[in-house]
Amino acid sequence: MEALRKFLLLLMLLASIPMRLCDTDPQDVAALQSFISGWQDFPSNWKASNDPCGTPWDGVTCDKGRVTSLRLSGIIDAQGTLSN
């Protein structure tokens, strides 16, 4: 009985460990960071997390770890330049 209890505890601990450190495709993260690098204003939760899909960023929609859309109307008063 004690062995089963230890096994179940170990199983629960392993299940709580994230399989990946980042849920978002690294190229998408780099593109978004480049996109906002010249901005003075963007949603505060974009600063709090480096993972737009793992910890959802306001206005960013993801599907299977890929950023699929940005909807920023009404979320921010964006100022700055867009990089090319």
N, C-alpha and C. Protein backbone atom coordinates (compact mmCIF):
# COMPACT_ATOMS: atom_id res chain seq x y z
N MET A 1 0.83 -1.20 0.00
CA MET A 1 0.00 0.00 0.00
C MET A 1 0.87 1.26 0.00
N GLU A 2 1.94 1.25 0.79
CA GLU A 2 2.85 2.40 0.85
C GLU A 2 3.53 2.63 -0.50
N ALA A 3 3.90 1.56 -1.19
CA ALA A 3 4.54 1.68 -2.50
C ALA A 3 3.57 2.30 -3.51
N LEU A 4 2.31 1.92 -3.45
CA LEU A 4 1.31 2.48 -4.34
C LEU A 4 1.13 3.97 -4.06
N ARG A 5 1.12 4.34 -2.81
CA ARG A 5 0.97 5.75 -2.42
C ARG A 5 2.14 6.57 -2.97
N LYS A 6 3.35 6.05 -2.83
CA LYS A 6 4.54 6.75 -3.34
C LYS A 6 4.49 6.85 -4.87
N PHE A 7 4.07 5.78 -5.51
CA PHE A 7 3.96 5.79 -6.97
C PHE A 7 2.97 6.85 -7.44
N LEU A 8 1.82 6.92 -6.80
CA LEU A 8 0.80 7.90 -7.17
C LEU A 8 1.29 9.33 -6.93
N LEU A 9 2.01 9.54 -5.84
CA LEU A 9 2.57 10.85 -5.56
C LEU A 9 3.58 11.24 -6.64
N LEU A 10 4.44 10.33 -7.01
CA LEU A 10 5.42 10.58 -8.07
C LEU A 10 4.71 10.87 -9.39
N LEU A 11 3.70 10.12 -9.70
CA LEU A 11 2.93 10.31 -10.93
C LEU A 11 2.29 11.70 -10.95
N MET A 12 1.74 12.15 -9.84
CA MET A 12 1.13 13.48 -9.77
C MET A 12 2.18 14.57 -9.95
N LEU A 13 3.34 14.39 -9.35
CA LEU A 13 4.41 15.38 -9.50
C LEU A 13 4.88 15.47 -10.94
N LEU A 14 5.06 14.34 -11.58
CA LEU A 14 5.50 14.33 -12.97
C LEU A 14 4.45 14.95 -13.89
N ALA A 15 3.20 14.73 -13.61
CA ALA A 15 2.13 15.27 -14.43
C ALA A 15 2.05 16.79 -14.32
N SER A 16 2.53 17.34 -13.21
CA SER A 16 2.45 18.79 -13.02
C SER A 16 3.60 19.54 -13.67
N ILE A 17 4.63 18.83 -14.15
CA ILE A 17 5.76 19.47 -14.81
C ILE A 17 5.39 19.75 -16.26
N PRO A 18 5.55 21.01 -16.68
CA PRO A 18 5.23 21.31 -18.08
C PRO A 18 6.16 20.56 -19.02
N MET A 19 5.62 20.11 -20.13
CA MET A 19 6.42 19.35 -21.09
C MET A 19 7.39 20.25 -21.83
N ARG A 20 7.02 21.51 -22.03
CA ARG A 20 7.89 22.46 -22.70
C ARG A 20 7.92 23.73 -21.89
N LEU A 21 9.04 24.46 -21.97
CA LEU A 21 9.13 25.71 -21.25
C LEU A 21 8.37 26.83 -21.96
N CYS A 22 8.21 26.70 -23.25
CA CYS A 22 7.53 27.72 -24.03
C CYS A 22 6.49 27.06 -24.91
N ASP A 23 5.27 27.57 -24.87
CA ASP A 23 4.19 27.02 -25.69
C ASP A 23 4.14 27.64 -27.08
N THR A 24 4.79 28.78 -27.27
CA THR A 24 4.71 29.51 -28.52
C THR A 24 5.92 29.22 -29.40
N ASP A 25 5.67 29.08 -30.70
CA ASP A 25 6.75 28.89 -31.66
C ASP A 25 7.78 30.02 -31.50
N PRO A 26 9.06 29.69 -31.36
CA PRO A 26 10.09 30.72 -31.13
C PRO A 26 10.14 31.80 -32.21
N GLN A 27 9.83 31.45 -33.45
CA GLN A 27 9.83 32.46 -34.52
C GLN A 27 8.68 33.45 -34.32
N ASP A 28 7.56 32.98 -33.82
CA ASP A 28 6.43 33.87 -33.55
C ASP A 28 6.77 34.82 -32.40
N VAL A 29 7.42 34.30 -31.37
CA VAL A 29 7.83 35.15 -30.24
C VAL A 29 8.79 36.23 -30.73
N ALA A 30 9.79 35.84 -31.52
CA ALA A 30 10.76 36.80 -32.04
C ALA A 30 10.09 37.86 -32.92
N ALA A 31 9.13 37.43 -33.74
CA ALA A 31 8.42 38.38 -34.60
C ALA A 31 7.62 39.38 -33.78
N LEU A 32 6.92 38.90 -32.75
CA LEU A 32 6.14 39.82 -31.91
C LEU A 32 7.05 40.77 -31.15
N GLN A 33 8.17 40.27 -30.62
CA GLN A 33 9.09 41.14 -29.89
C GLN A 33 9.68 42.19 -30.81
N SER A 34 10.00 41.81 -32.04
CA SER A 34 10.49 42.78 -33.02
C SER A 34 9.41 43.79 -33.38
N PHE A 35 8.19 43.29 -33.52
CA PHE A 35 7.03 44.11 -33.88
C PHE A 35 6.82 45.23 -32.87
N ILE A 36 6.97 44.94 -31.58
CA ILE A 36 6.67 45.94 -30.55
C ILE A 36 7.92 46.67 -30.05
N SER A 37 9.09 46.35 -30.60
CA SER A 37 10.32 46.94 -30.08
C SER A 37 10.34 48.47 -30.18
N GLY A 38 9.65 49.04 -31.15
CA GLY A 38 9.63 50.49 -31.29
C GLY A 38 8.43 51.16 -30.67
N TRP A 39 7.57 50.41 -30.02
CA TRP A 39 6.35 50.97 -29.44
C TRP A 39 6.61 51.54 -28.05
N GLN A 40 5.86 52.59 -27.72
CA GLN A 40 5.91 53.13 -26.37
C GLN A 40 4.81 52.55 -25.48
N ASP A 41 3.77 52.01 -26.10
CA ASP A 41 2.62 51.55 -25.32
C ASP A 41 2.11 50.23 -25.89
N PHE A 42 2.01 49.23 -25.04
CA PHE A 42 1.40 47.96 -25.41
C PHE A 42 0.87 47.32 -24.14
N PRO A 43 0.00 46.32 -24.24
CA PRO A 43 -0.62 45.75 -23.04
C PRO A 43 0.41 45.30 -22.00
N SER A 44 0.11 45.58 -20.75
CA SER A 44 1.07 45.30 -19.67
C SER A 44 1.39 43.81 -19.55
N ASN A 45 0.44 42.93 -19.90
CA ASN A 45 0.75 41.50 -19.74
C ASN A 45 1.72 41.02 -20.83
N TRP A 46 2.00 41.84 -21.84
CA TRP A 46 3.02 41.49 -22.84
C TRP A 46 4.41 41.60 -22.22
N LYS A 47 4.56 42.46 -21.23
CA LYS A 47 5.84 42.62 -20.54
C LYS A 47 6.04 41.52 -19.50
N ALA A 48 4.95 41.02 -18.95
CA ALA A 48 5.00 40.07 -17.84
C ALA A 48 5.36 38.65 -18.29
N SER A 49 5.19 38.34 -19.57
CA SER A 49 5.41 36.98 -20.05
C SER A 49 6.12 37.02 -21.39
N ASN A 50 7.04 36.08 -21.59
CA ASN A 50 7.71 35.95 -22.88
C ASN A 50 7.04 34.90 -23.75
N ASP A 51 5.87 34.46 -23.33
CA ASP A 51 5.19 33.37 -24.04
C ASP A 51 3.75 33.78 -24.36
N PRO A 52 3.52 34.36 -25.55
CA PRO A 52 2.20 34.87 -25.87
C PRO A 52 1.09 33.82 -25.90
N CYS A 53 1.41 32.56 -26.14
CA CYS A 53 0.38 31.52 -26.18
C CYS A 53 0.26 30.79 -24.85
N GLY A 54 1.37 30.63 -24.15
CA GLY A 54 1.35 29.90 -22.87
C GLY A 54 0.66 30.69 -21.78
N THR A 55 0.97 31.97 -21.70
CA THR A 55 0.29 32.91 -20.82
C THR A 55 -0.32 33.94 -21.74
N PRO A 56 -1.56 33.74 -22.16
CA PRO A 56 -2.13 34.52 -23.25
C PRO A 56 -1.97 36.03 -23.10
N TRP A 57 -1.48 36.64 -24.15
CA TRP A 57 -1.36 38.09 -24.23
C TRP A 57 -2.68 38.67 -24.71
N ASP A 58 -3.04 39.83 -24.17
CA ASP A 58 -4.24 40.52 -24.62
C ASP A 58 -4.13 40.79 -26.12
N GLY A 59 -5.18 40.46 -26.85
CA GLY A 59 -5.24 40.74 -28.28
C GLY A 59 -4.52 39.75 -29.17
N VAL A 60 -3.89 38.73 -28.59
CA VAL A 60 -3.17 37.73 -29.38
C VAL A 60 -3.94 36.41 -29.33
N THR A 61 -4.20 35.85 -30.49
CA THR A 61 -4.88 34.56 -30.58
C THR A 61 -3.89 33.52 -31.08
N CYS A 62 -3.89 32.35 -30.44
CA CYS A 62 -2.98 31.27 -30.81
C CYS A 62 -3.76 30.00 -31.11
N ASP A 63 -3.14 29.16 -31.90
CA ASP A 63 -3.67 27.83 -32.18
C ASP A 63 -2.49 26.87 -32.28
N LYS A 64 -2.45 25.91 -31.39
CA LYS A 64 -1.39 24.89 -31.37
C LYS A 64 0.01 25.51 -31.33
N GLY A 65 0.17 26.54 -30.48
CA GLY A 65 1.48 27.14 -30.29
C GLY A 65 1.89 28.14 -31.35
N ARG A 66 1.00 28.46 -32.27
CA ARG A 66 1.30 29.45 -33.31
C ARG A 66 0.37 30.65 -33.15
N VAL A 67 0.94 31.83 -33.29
CA VAL A 67 0.14 33.05 -33.25
C VAL A 67 -0.64 33.13 -34.55
N THR A 68 -1.96 33.23 -34.43
CA THR A 68 -2.80 33.23 -35.63
C THR A 68 -3.42 34.59 -35.93
N SER A 69 -3.53 35.44 -34.91
CA SER A 69 -4.08 36.77 -35.19
C SER A 69 -3.73 37.74 -34.07
N LEU A 70 -3.73 39.02 -34.44
CA LEU A 70 -3.58 40.13 -33.50
C LEU A 70 -4.81 41.00 -33.63
N ARG A 71 -5.41 41.33 -32.50
CA ARG A 71 -6.59 42.21 -32.50
C ARG A 71 -6.33 43.25 -31.42
N LEU A 72 -5.80 44.39 -31.85
CA LEU A 72 -5.34 45.39 -30.90
C LEU A 72 -6.25 46.60 -30.81
N SER A 73 -7.26 46.65 -31.65
CA SER A 73 -8.19 47.77 -31.64
C SER A 73 -8.85 47.88 -30.27
N GLY A 74 -8.76 49.04 -29.66
CA GLY A 74 -9.40 49.27 -28.37
C GLY A 74 -8.61 48.76 -27.18
N ILE A 75 -7.53 48.02 -27.41
CA ILE A 75 -6.74 47.49 -26.30
C ILE A 75 -5.64 48.47 -25.92
N ILE A 76 -5.03 49.07 -26.94
CA ILE A 76 -3.90 49.95 -26.68
C ILE A 76 -4.02 51.22 -27.49
N ASP A 77 -3.27 52.22 -27.06
CA ASP A 77 -3.11 53.45 -27.82
C ASP A 77 -1.70 53.37 -28.38
N ALA A 78 -1.53 52.56 -29.42
CA ALA A 78 -0.21 52.29 -29.96
C ALA A 78 0.44 53.53 -30.55
N GLN A 79 1.69 53.70 -30.20
CA GLN A 79 2.51 54.77 -30.76
C GLN A 79 3.86 54.19 -31.06
N GLY A 80 4.45 54.61 -32.16
CA GLY A 80 5.77 54.11 -32.51
C GLY A 80 5.81 53.78 -33.99
N THR A 81 6.85 53.06 -34.37
CA THR A 81 7.03 52.71 -35.77
C THR A 81 6.98 51.20 -35.94
N LEU A 82 6.60 50.77 -37.11
CA LEU A 82 6.61 49.34 -37.44
C LEU A 82 7.92 49.03 -38.12
N SER A 83 8.57 47.95 -37.69
CA SER A 83 9.80 47.54 -38.36
C SER A 83 9.44 46.81 -39.64
N ASN A 84 10.38 46.77 -40.56
CA ASN A 84 10.11 46.06 -41.82
C ASN A 84 10.99 44.87 -41.99
